[in-house]
Amino acid sequence: MSDSMHTRQEPPTHGPEHAQLRAWLDYHRDTLRWKCHGLTADQLAQQLAPSTLTLGGLMAHLALVEDNWLSVVLMGREGHDHWADADWDSDPDWEMSDAATHTPEELLALYDRVIARCDAVLDEVGDDLDRLSVKRSRAHDTPFDLRWILVHLVEEYARHNGHADLIRESIDGATGE
């Protein structure tokens, strides 16, 4: 897993809050791409016991999470077409199961399409971190602001990129920050 294959832009150490949050989100997106780079379909579907997580599943899951928070919750729009026919009732982790049915190229293309869609939403909203979501929290019946959503996305990526580190190391011994 060569760093020259996937360079990540280090987030700025100072500057506007919105720019820093977007930079951290991009950094973690690039980290996931790096962890999945160069693997076969079988390797992307490999599990590290006792977990059933896979790198391909994490890629699909994080695409779904971003799409849900930015398209559905923040903007009140429909999710990406890829999720439309999912049978969530019979498989609550459908995106992770479905990932094993796709080639690495298909998974990366899906991930990149969804991320481009999410970036378009962020560009549309601009730097208004106080922008409130259309959908409300089920727990508190209050909207989320964009700041909360971006911090949550960074947290979600950071947690799952830790999983990705362990899974990738178990596949081929590759390590990296």
N, C-alpha and C. Protein backbone atom coordinates (compact mmCIF):
# COMPACT_ATOMS: atom_id res chain seq x y z
N MET A 1 0.86 -1.17 0.00
CA MET A 1 0.00 0.00 0.00
C MET A 1 0.90 1.23 0.00
N SER A 2 1.31 1.61 -1.15
CA SER A 2 2.25 2.71 -1.31
C SER A 2 1.56 4.05 -1.15
N ASP A 3 2.19 4.93 -0.41
CA ASP A 3 1.64 6.28 -0.24
C ASP A 3 1.65 7.04 -1.55
N SER A 4 2.55 6.66 -2.47
CA SER A 4 2.60 7.36 -3.75
C SER A 4 1.37 7.06 -4.60
N MET A 5 0.70 5.92 -4.33
CA MET A 5 -0.50 5.58 -5.08
C MET A 5 -1.68 6.47 -4.70
N HIS A 6 -1.77 6.81 -3.46
CA HIS A 6 -2.89 7.61 -2.98
C HIS A 6 -2.37 8.68 -2.02
N THR A 7 -2.21 9.85 -2.53
CA THR A 7 -1.78 10.93 -1.67
C THR A 7 -3.02 11.61 -1.10
N ARG A 8 -2.91 11.94 0.16
CA ARG A 8 -4.00 12.63 0.83
C ARG A 8 -3.54 14.03 1.13
N GLN A 9 -4.45 14.96 0.96
CA GLN A 9 -4.18 16.35 1.30
C GLN A 9 -4.37 16.51 2.80
N GLU A 10 -3.33 16.90 3.49
CA GLU A 10 -3.44 17.13 4.94
C GLU A 10 -4.40 18.29 5.19
N PRO A 11 -5.32 18.14 6.14
CA PRO A 11 -6.23 19.25 6.46
C PRO A 11 -5.46 20.44 7.03
N PRO A 12 -5.96 21.63 6.81
CA PRO A 12 -5.27 22.83 7.31
C PRO A 12 -5.26 22.86 8.84
N THR A 13 -4.25 23.46 9.38
CA THR A 13 -4.14 23.57 10.84
C THR A 13 -4.85 24.81 11.38
N HIS A 14 -5.30 25.66 10.50
CA HIS A 14 -6.06 26.83 10.92
C HIS A 14 -6.90 27.31 9.73
N GLY A 15 -7.84 28.18 10.02
CA GLY A 15 -8.69 28.71 8.96
C GLY A 15 -10.15 28.57 9.30
N PRO A 16 -10.99 28.93 8.36
CA PRO A 16 -12.44 28.89 8.62
C PRO A 16 -12.93 27.48 8.96
N GLU A 17 -13.88 27.42 9.85
CA GLU A 17 -14.41 26.15 10.33
C GLU A 17 -14.95 25.29 9.18
N HIS A 18 -15.70 25.88 8.29
CA HIS A 18 -16.27 25.12 7.18
C HIS A 18 -15.18 24.50 6.32
N ALA A 19 -14.16 25.25 6.00
CA ALA A 19 -13.06 24.74 5.17
C ALA A 19 -12.34 23.59 5.88
N GLN A 20 -12.15 23.70 7.17
CA GLN A 20 -11.49 22.63 7.92
C GLN A 20 -12.35 21.37 7.95
N LEU A 21 -13.64 21.50 8.18
CA LEU A 21 -14.51 20.33 8.23
C LEU A 21 -14.55 19.63 6.88
N ARG A 22 -14.65 20.39 5.80
CA ARG A 22 -14.65 19.78 4.46
C ARG A 22 -13.30 19.11 4.18
N ALA A 23 -12.21 19.73 4.61
CA ALA A 23 -10.88 19.15 4.39
C ALA A 23 -10.72 17.83 5.16
N TRP A 24 -11.21 17.78 6.40
CA TRP A 24 -11.14 16.55 7.18
C TRP A 24 -12.00 15.45 6.55
N LEU A 25 -13.16 15.82 6.03
CA LEU A 25 -14.01 14.83 5.35
C LEU A 25 -13.28 14.29 4.12
N ASP A 26 -12.70 15.17 3.32
CA ASP A 26 -11.94 14.73 2.14
C ASP A 26 -10.76 13.85 2.53
N TYR A 27 -10.08 14.21 3.59
CA TYR A 27 -8.93 13.43 4.06
C TYR A 27 -9.35 11.99 4.39
N HIS A 28 -10.45 11.86 5.09
CA HIS A 28 -10.91 10.51 5.46
C HIS A 28 -11.47 9.75 4.26
N ARG A 29 -12.09 10.45 3.32
CA ARG A 29 -12.53 9.78 2.08
C ARG A 29 -11.31 9.20 1.35
N ASP A 30 -10.27 10.02 1.24
CA ASP A 30 -9.04 9.57 0.56
C ASP A 30 -8.36 8.43 1.31
N THR A 31 -8.44 8.44 2.63
CA THR A 31 -7.88 7.35 3.42
C THR A 31 -8.59 6.04 3.09
N LEU A 32 -9.90 6.07 3.00
CA LEU A 32 -10.64 4.85 2.65
C LEU A 32 -10.27 4.37 1.25
N ARG A 33 -10.19 5.30 0.30
CA ARG A 33 -9.79 4.91 -1.06
C ARG A 33 -8.41 4.24 -1.03
N TRP A 34 -7.51 4.80 -0.24
CA TRP A 34 -6.15 4.29 -0.13
C TRP A 34 -6.15 2.86 0.42
N LYS A 35 -6.96 2.63 1.46
CA LYS A 35 -7.02 1.31 2.08
C LYS A 35 -7.59 0.26 1.14
N CYS A 36 -8.42 0.67 0.19
CA CYS A 36 -9.06 -0.27 -0.74
C CYS A 36 -8.30 -0.39 -2.07
N HIS A 37 -7.34 0.47 -2.29
CA HIS A 37 -6.64 0.52 -3.57
C HIS A 37 -5.88 -0.77 -3.90
N GLY A 38 -6.06 -1.21 -5.13
CA GLY A 38 -5.27 -2.32 -5.64
C GLY A 38 -5.71 -3.70 -5.20
N LEU A 39 -6.84 -3.82 -4.53
CA LEU A 39 -7.30 -5.11 -4.06
C LEU A 39 -8.26 -5.76 -5.06
N THR A 40 -8.31 -7.07 -5.03
CA THR A 40 -9.22 -7.82 -5.88
C THR A 40 -10.61 -7.84 -5.23
N ALA A 41 -11.58 -8.35 -5.98
CA ALA A 41 -12.94 -8.49 -5.44
C ALA A 41 -12.94 -9.41 -4.22
N ASP A 42 -12.18 -10.51 -4.30
CA ASP A 42 -12.10 -11.43 -3.16
C ASP A 42 -11.50 -10.75 -1.94
N GLN A 43 -10.48 -9.95 -2.16
CA GLN A 43 -9.85 -9.25 -1.03
C GLN A 43 -10.77 -8.19 -0.45
N LEU A 44 -11.53 -7.49 -1.30
CA LEU A 44 -12.48 -6.50 -0.79
C LEU A 44 -13.62 -7.14 -0.02
N ALA A 45 -13.85 -8.43 -0.25
CA ALA A 45 -14.91 -9.15 0.45
C ALA A 45 -14.38 -9.96 1.64
N GLN A 46 -13.07 -9.90 1.89
CA GLN A 46 -12.47 -10.67 2.99
C GLN A 46 -12.81 -10.08 4.34
N GLN A 47 -13.16 -10.94 5.28
CA GLN A 47 -13.51 -10.53 6.63
C GLN A 47 -12.36 -10.81 7.58
N LEU A 48 -12.35 -10.09 8.67
CA LEU A 48 -11.37 -10.30 9.74
C LEU A 48 -12.18 -10.71 10.97
N ALA A 49 -12.17 -12.00 11.28
CA ALA A 49 -12.98 -12.53 12.39
C ALA A 49 -12.61 -11.83 13.69
N PRO A 50 -13.56 -11.63 14.56
CA PRO A 50 -14.93 -12.13 14.52
C PRO A 50 -15.89 -11.21 13.76
N SER A 51 -15.43 -10.11 13.22
CA SER A 51 -16.30 -9.17 12.53
C SER A 51 -16.67 -9.67 11.14
N THR A 52 -17.79 -9.21 10.63
CA THR A 52 -18.19 -9.51 9.25
C THR A 52 -17.91 -8.33 8.32
N LEU A 53 -17.27 -7.27 8.86
CA LEU A 53 -16.94 -6.11 8.04
C LEU A 53 -15.95 -6.49 6.95
N THR A 54 -16.09 -5.86 5.80
CA THR A 54 -15.15 -6.00 4.70
C THR A 54 -14.80 -4.61 4.19
N LEU A 55 -13.70 -4.49 3.48
CA LEU A 55 -13.33 -3.19 2.91
C LEU A 55 -14.35 -2.74 1.88
N GLY A 56 -14.81 -3.66 1.04
CA GLY A 56 -15.85 -3.31 0.07
C GLY A 56 -17.13 -2.89 0.76
N GLY A 57 -17.50 -3.61 1.81
CA GLY A 57 -18.68 -3.25 2.58
C GLY A 57 -18.56 -1.89 3.23
N LEU A 58 -17.37 -1.58 3.73
CA LEU A 58 -17.15 -0.26 4.33
C LEU A 58 -17.28 0.85 3.29
N MET A 59 -16.77 0.59 2.08
CA MET A 59 -16.87 1.59 1.03
C MET A 59 -18.35 1.85 0.70
N ALA A 60 -19.13 0.80 0.55
CA ALA A 60 -20.56 0.96 0.26
C ALA A 60 -21.28 1.60 1.44
N HIS A 61 -20.95 1.18 2.65
CA HIS A 61 -21.60 1.73 3.84
C HIS A 61 -21.34 3.23 3.97
N LEU A 62 -20.10 3.65 3.80
CA LEU A 62 -19.80 5.07 3.95
C LEU A 62 -20.42 5.91 2.83
N ALA A 63 -20.54 5.35 1.64
CA ALA A 63 -21.26 6.05 0.57
C ALA A 63 -22.72 6.23 0.97
N LEU A 64 -23.32 5.16 1.49
CA LEU A 64 -24.72 5.24 1.94
C LEU A 64 -24.88 6.25 3.07
N VAL A 65 -23.98 6.22 4.04
CA VAL A 65 -24.06 7.15 5.17
C VAL A 65 -23.99 8.60 4.70
N GLU A 66 -23.04 8.90 3.84
CA GLU A 66 -22.93 10.28 3.33
C GLU A 66 -24.18 10.68 2.56
N ASP A 67 -24.65 9.79 1.68
CA ASP A 67 -25.82 10.10 0.88
C ASP A 67 -27.03 10.32 1.77
N ASN A 68 -27.19 9.49 2.79
CA ASN A 68 -28.32 9.64 3.68
C ASN A 68 -28.26 10.98 4.42
N TRP A 69 -27.13 11.29 5.01
CA TRP A 69 -27.04 12.51 5.80
C TRP A 69 -27.15 13.78 4.96
N LEU A 70 -26.52 13.78 3.80
CA LEU A 70 -26.50 15.02 3.03
C LEU A 70 -27.69 15.15 2.08
N SER A 71 -28.01 14.10 1.35
CA SER A 71 -29.13 14.19 0.40
C SER A 71 -30.48 14.06 1.10
N VAL A 72 -30.61 13.04 1.94
CA VAL A 72 -31.91 12.72 2.52
C VAL A 72 -32.21 13.60 3.74
N VAL A 73 -31.33 13.55 4.74
CA VAL A 73 -31.61 14.28 5.99
C VAL A 73 -31.48 15.79 5.80
N LEU A 74 -30.35 16.25 5.28
CA LEU A 74 -30.13 17.69 5.15
C LEU A 74 -31.07 18.32 4.12
N MET A 75 -31.14 17.72 2.94
CA MET A 75 -31.86 18.36 1.83
C MET A 75 -33.29 17.84 1.64
N GLY A 76 -33.62 16.68 2.23
CA GLY A 76 -34.97 16.14 2.06
C GLY A 76 -35.20 15.52 0.69
N ARG A 77 -34.14 15.08 0.04
CA ARG A 77 -34.23 14.50 -1.30
C ARG A 77 -34.21 12.97 -1.21
N GLU A 78 -34.46 12.34 -2.33
CA GLU A 78 -34.36 10.89 -2.43
C GLU A 78 -32.89 10.48 -2.35
N GLY A 79 -32.63 9.30 -1.81
CA GLY A 79 -31.27 8.77 -1.80
C GLY A 79 -30.86 8.35 -3.20
N HIS A 80 -29.60 8.02 -3.35
CA HIS A 80 -29.05 7.56 -4.62
C HIS A 80 -29.83 6.36 -5.14
N ASP A 81 -29.97 6.24 -6.44
CA ASP A 81 -30.71 5.14 -7.06
C ASP A 81 -30.21 3.76 -6.63
N HIS A 82 -28.94 3.65 -6.32
CA HIS A 82 -28.38 2.33 -5.97
C HIS A 82 -29.09 1.72 -4.77
N TRP A 83 -29.57 2.55 -3.86
CA TRP A 83 -30.19 2.04 -2.64
C TRP A 83 -31.69 1.80 -2.82
N ALA A 84 -32.26 2.22 -3.95
CA ALA A 84 -33.72 2.22 -4.13
C ALA A 84 -34.34 0.83 -4.03
N ASP A 85 -33.70 -0.19 -4.55
CA ASP A 85 -34.27 -1.54 -4.55
C ASP A 85 -33.77 -2.41 -3.40
N ALA A 86 -33.08 -1.81 -2.46
CA ALA A 86 -32.54 -2.58 -1.34
C ALA A 86 -33.66 -3.14 -0.47
N ASP A 87 -33.48 -4.37 -0.05
CA ASP A 87 -34.44 -5.02 0.84
C ASP A 87 -33.93 -4.88 2.28
N TRP A 88 -34.13 -3.69 2.85
CA TRP A 88 -33.62 -3.38 4.18
C TRP A 88 -34.29 -4.23 5.25
N ASP A 89 -35.54 -4.65 5.03
CA ASP A 89 -36.25 -5.44 6.03
C ASP A 89 -35.60 -6.81 6.22
N SER A 90 -35.21 -7.45 5.13
CA SER A 90 -34.61 -8.78 5.27
C SER A 90 -33.11 -8.72 5.53
N ASP A 91 -32.48 -7.58 5.19
CA ASP A 91 -31.04 -7.43 5.41
C ASP A 91 -30.73 -5.99 5.79
N PRO A 92 -30.75 -5.66 7.10
CA PRO A 92 -30.49 -4.29 7.54
C PRO A 92 -29.10 -3.77 7.14
N ASP A 93 -28.18 -4.67 6.83
CA ASP A 93 -26.84 -4.29 6.38
C ASP A 93 -26.69 -4.55 4.88
N TRP A 94 -27.75 -4.32 4.13
CA TRP A 94 -27.79 -4.65 2.72
C TRP A 94 -26.62 -4.06 1.94
N GLU A 95 -26.27 -2.82 2.23
CA GLU A 95 -25.18 -2.20 1.46
C GLU A 95 -23.88 -2.97 1.63
N MET A 96 -23.65 -3.53 2.80
CA MET A 96 -22.43 -4.30 3.03
C MET A 96 -22.50 -5.66 2.34
N SER A 97 -23.65 -6.31 2.40
CA SER A 97 -23.83 -7.59 1.71
C SER A 97 -23.74 -7.41 0.21
N ASP A 98 -24.40 -6.39 -0.30
CA ASP A 98 -24.42 -6.12 -1.74
C ASP A 98 -23.03 -5.83 -2.29
N ALA A 99 -22.17 -5.24 -1.49
CA ALA A 99 -20.82 -4.88 -1.96
C ALA A 99 -20.07 -6.09 -2.48
N ALA A 100 -20.28 -7.25 -1.91
CA ALA A 100 -19.57 -8.45 -2.32
C ALA A 100 -19.98 -8.94 -3.70
N THR A 101 -21.06 -8.39 -4.25
CA THR A 101 -21.52 -8.80 -5.58
C THR A 101 -20.96 -7.91 -6.69
N HIS A 102 -20.10 -6.96 -6.32
CA HIS A 102 -19.58 -6.01 -7.30
C HIS A 102 -18.06 -6.13 -7.44
N THR A 103 -17.57 -5.77 -8.60
CA THR A 103 -16.12 -5.75 -8.83
C THR A 103 -15.54 -4.54 -8.11
N PRO A 104 -14.22 -4.54 -7.89
CA PRO A 104 -13.60 -3.37 -7.30
C PRO A 104 -13.87 -2.09 -8.11
N GLU A 105 -13.87 -2.21 -9.41
CA GLU A 105 -14.12 -1.05 -10.27
C GLU A 105 -15.55 -0.53 -10.09
N GLU A 106 -16.51 -1.45 -9.99
CA GLU A 106 -17.90 -1.04 -9.78
C GLU A 106 -18.08 -0.37 -8.41
N LEU A 107 -17.44 -0.93 -7.38
CA LEU A 107 -17.55 -0.35 -6.04
C LEU A 107 -16.94 1.05 -6.00
N LEU A 108 -15.77 1.20 -6.58
CA LEU A 108 -15.14 2.52 -6.59
C LEU A 108 -15.96 3.51 -7.40
N ALA A 109 -16.51 3.07 -8.52
CA ALA A 109 -17.34 3.96 -9.33
C ALA A 109 -18.58 4.40 -8.56
N LEU A 110 -19.23 3.46 -7.86
CA LEU A 110 -20.39 3.81 -7.03
C LEU A 110 -19.97 4.80 -5.95
N TYR A 111 -18.90 4.48 -5.25
CA TYR A 111 -18.42 5.37 -4.18
C TYR A 111 -18.15 6.76 -4.73
N ASP A 112 -17.43 6.84 -5.85
CA ASP A 112 -17.09 8.15 -6.43
C ASP A 112 -18.32 8.91 -6.90
N ARG A 113 -19.31 8.20 -7.48
CA ARG A 113 -20.55 8.87 -7.91
C ARG A 113 -21.30 9.45 -6.71
N VAL A 114 -21.40 8.66 -5.65
CA VAL A 114 -22.12 9.13 -4.46
C VAL A 114 -21.38 10.28 -3.81
N ILE A 115 -20.05 10.20 -3.73
CA ILE A 115 -19.28 11.29 -3.13
C ILE A 115 -19.41 12.56 -3.97
N ALA A 116 -19.40 12.44 -5.28
CA ALA A 116 -19.59 13.61 -6.15
C ALA A 116 -20.98 14.22 -5.90
N ARG A 117 -21.98 13.38 -5.74
CA ARG A 117 -23.34 13.85 -5.44
C ARG A 117 -23.36 14.59 -4.09
N CYS A 118 -22.66 14.04 -3.10
CA CYS A 118 -22.61 14.67 -1.78
C CYS A 118 -21.84 15.98 -1.83
N ASP A 119 -20.73 16.00 -2.57
CA ASP A 119 -19.98 17.25 -2.73
C ASP A 119 -20.83 18.32 -3.40
N ALA A 120 -21.67 17.92 -4.36
CA ALA A 120 -22.56 18.88 -5.02
C ALA A 120 -23.55 19.47 -4.02
N VAL A 121 -24.04 18.64 -3.10
CA VAL A 121 -24.94 19.15 -2.06
C VAL A 121 -24.18 20.15 -1.18
N LEU A 122 -22.97 19.78 -0.77
CA LEU A 122 -22.18 20.69 0.08
C LEU A 122 -21.87 21.99 -0.64
N ASP A 123 -21.56 21.90 -1.93
CA ASP A 123 -21.30 23.12 -2.71
C ASP A 123 -22.56 23.98 -2.81
N GLU A 124 -23.69 23.33 -2.99
CA GLU A 124 -24.97 24.05 -3.08
C GLU A 124 -25.29 24.78 -1.78
N VAL A 125 -25.06 24.12 -0.67
CA VAL A 125 -25.36 24.71 0.64
C VAL A 125 -24.36 25.82 0.98
N GLY A 126 -23.13 25.68 0.52
CA GLY A 126 -22.12 26.68 0.82
C GLY A 126 -21.58 26.53 2.23
N ASP A 127 -21.08 27.61 2.77
CA ASP A 127 -20.40 27.54 4.07
C ASP A 127 -21.31 27.84 5.25
N ASP A 128 -22.62 27.73 5.07
CA ASP A 128 -23.57 28.01 6.14
C ASP A 128 -23.69 26.81 7.07
N LEU A 129 -22.78 26.74 8.04
CA LEU A 129 -22.77 25.62 8.98
C LEU A 129 -24.00 25.60 9.89
N ASP A 130 -24.72 26.71 9.95
CA ASP A 130 -25.94 26.78 10.75
C ASP A 130 -27.18 26.34 9.97
N ARG A 131 -26.99 25.99 8.71
CA ARG A 131 -28.11 25.51 7.87
C ARG A 131 -28.74 24.29 8.54
N LEU A 132 -30.06 24.31 8.70
CA LEU A 132 -30.76 23.23 9.37
C LEU A 132 -31.28 22.20 8.37
N SER A 133 -31.32 20.97 8.82
CA SER A 133 -31.78 19.87 7.98
C SER A 133 -33.29 19.91 7.81
N VAL A 134 -33.74 19.34 6.70
CA VAL A 134 -35.18 19.19 6.45
C VAL A 134 -35.75 18.13 7.37
N LYS A 135 -35.03 17.03 7.51
CA LYS A 135 -35.49 15.94 8.40
C LYS A 135 -35.04 16.24 9.82
N ARG A 136 -35.77 15.72 10.76
CA ARG A 136 -35.51 15.98 12.17
C ARG A 136 -35.00 14.74 12.89
N SER A 137 -34.30 14.96 13.98
CA SER A 137 -33.82 13.88 14.82
C SER A 137 -35.02 13.14 15.40
N ARG A 138 -34.99 11.81 15.31
CA ARG A 138 -36.07 11.02 15.90
C ARG A 138 -36.00 11.08 17.43
N ALA A 139 -34.81 11.17 17.96
CA ALA A 139 -34.64 11.17 19.42
C ALA A 139 -35.08 12.48 20.07
N HIS A 140 -34.86 13.59 19.36
CA HIS A 140 -35.11 14.89 19.99
C HIS A 140 -36.12 15.75 19.25
N ASP A 141 -36.58 15.27 18.09
CA ASP A 141 -37.52 16.02 17.25
C ASP A 141 -37.01 17.43 16.94
N THR A 142 -35.71 17.51 16.67
CA THR A 142 -35.11 18.78 16.27
C THR A 142 -34.29 18.55 15.00
N PRO A 143 -34.10 19.59 14.21
CA PRO A 143 -33.26 19.42 13.02
C PRO A 143 -31.78 19.37 13.41
N PHE A 144 -30.98 18.91 12.49
CA PHE A 144 -29.52 18.91 12.64
C PHE A 144 -28.98 20.12 11.89
N ASP A 145 -27.92 20.73 12.38
CA ASP A 145 -27.29 21.75 11.54
C ASP A 145 -26.17 21.09 10.74
N LEU A 146 -25.73 21.78 9.69
CA LEU A 146 -24.70 21.24 8.81
C LEU A 146 -23.42 20.95 9.59
N ARG A 147 -23.09 21.77 10.56
CA ARG A 147 -21.90 21.55 11.39
C ARG A 147 -21.96 20.17 12.05
N TRP A 148 -23.10 19.85 12.67
CA TRP A 148 -23.27 18.55 13.33
C TRP A 148 -23.11 17.42 12.32
N ILE A 149 -23.72 17.57 11.15
CA ILE A 149 -23.66 16.52 10.13
C ILE A 149 -22.22 16.31 9.67
N LEU A 150 -21.47 17.38 9.41
CA LEU A 150 -20.08 17.23 8.96
C LEU A 150 -19.21 16.60 10.04
N VAL A 151 -19.38 17.02 11.29
CA VAL A 151 -18.61 16.42 12.38
C VAL A 151 -18.96 14.93 12.49
N HIS A 152 -20.24 14.61 12.36
CA HIS A 152 -20.65 13.21 12.43
C HIS A 152 -20.03 12.40 11.28
N LEU A 153 -20.00 12.94 10.08
CA LEU A 153 -19.40 12.22 8.95
C LEU A 153 -17.91 11.99 9.17
N VAL A 154 -17.21 12.99 9.68
CA VAL A 154 -15.78 12.81 9.98
C VAL A 154 -15.61 11.72 11.03
N GLU A 155 -16.45 11.72 12.05
CA GLU A 155 -16.39 10.69 13.10
C GLU A 155 -16.66 9.31 12.51
N GLU A 156 -17.65 9.21 11.66
CA GLU A 156 -18.01 7.92 11.05
C GLU A 156 -16.84 7.38 10.22
N TYR A 157 -16.24 8.24 9.41
CA TYR A 157 -15.08 7.83 8.62
C TYR A 157 -13.90 7.45 9.51
N ALA A 158 -13.61 8.25 10.52
CA ALA A 158 -12.46 7.97 11.38
C ALA A 158 -12.60 6.61 12.04
N ARG A 159 -13.79 6.31 12.53
CA ARG A 159 -14.03 5.01 13.18
C ARG A 159 -13.86 3.87 12.18
N HIS A 160 -14.48 4.00 11.02
CA HIS A 160 -14.41 2.92 10.04
C HIS A 160 -13.05 2.83 9.36
N ASN A 161 -12.33 3.93 9.26
CA ASN A 161 -10.97 3.84 8.71
C ASN A 161 -10.05 3.08 9.67
N GLY A 162 -10.33 3.12 10.95
CA GLY A 162 -9.60 2.27 11.89
C GLY A 162 -9.87 0.80 11.61
N HIS A 163 -11.14 0.47 11.34
CA HIS A 163 -11.46 -0.90 10.94
C HIS A 163 -10.74 -1.25 9.64
N ALA A 164 -10.74 -0.33 8.69
CA ALA A 164 -10.11 -0.57 7.39
C ALA A 164 -8.62 -0.86 7.56
N ASP A 165 -7.96 -0.16 8.48
CA ASP A 165 -6.54 -0.43 8.75
C ASP A 165 -6.32 -1.89 9.13
N LEU A 166 -7.13 -2.38 10.06
CA LEU A 166 -6.98 -3.75 10.54
C LEU A 166 -7.30 -4.77 9.45
N ILE A 167 -8.37 -4.52 8.71
CA ILE A 167 -8.75 -5.47 7.65
C ILE A 167 -7.67 -5.50 6.58
N ARG A 168 -7.19 -4.34 6.15
CA ARG A 168 -6.17 -4.31 5.10
C ARG A 168 -4.90 -5.02 5.56
N GLU A 169 -4.48 -4.79 6.79
CA GLU A 169 -3.28 -5.45 7.29
C GLU A 169 -3.46 -6.97 7.29
N SER A 170 -4.68 -7.44 7.60
CA SER A 170 -4.90 -8.89 7.62
C SER A 170 -4.90 -9.49 6.21
N ILE A 171 -5.15 -8.69 5.21
CA ILE A 171 -5.20 -9.17 3.83
C ILE A 171 -3.80 -9.36 3.26
N ASP A 172 -2.97 -8.31 3.36
CA ASP A 172 -1.67 -8.37 2.70
C ASP A 172 -0.52 -7.78 3.52
N GLY A 173 -0.80 -7.50 4.79
CA GLY A 173 0.25 -6.98 5.66
C GLY A 173 0.51 -5.49 5.49
N ALA A 174 -0.19 -4.85 4.57
CA ALA A 174 0.03 -3.43 4.33
C ALA A 174 -0.47 -2.59 5.50
N THR A 175 0.35 -1.69 5.91
CA THR A 175 0.00 -0.79 7.00
C THR A 175 0.26 0.64 6.55
N GLY A 176 -0.25 1.53 7.28
CA GLY A 176 -0.06 2.96 7.01
C GLY A 176 -0.95 3.74 7.91
N GLU A 177 -0.61 5.00 8.09
CA GLU A 177 -1.41 5.80 9.03
C GLU A 177 -2.81 5.99 8.55
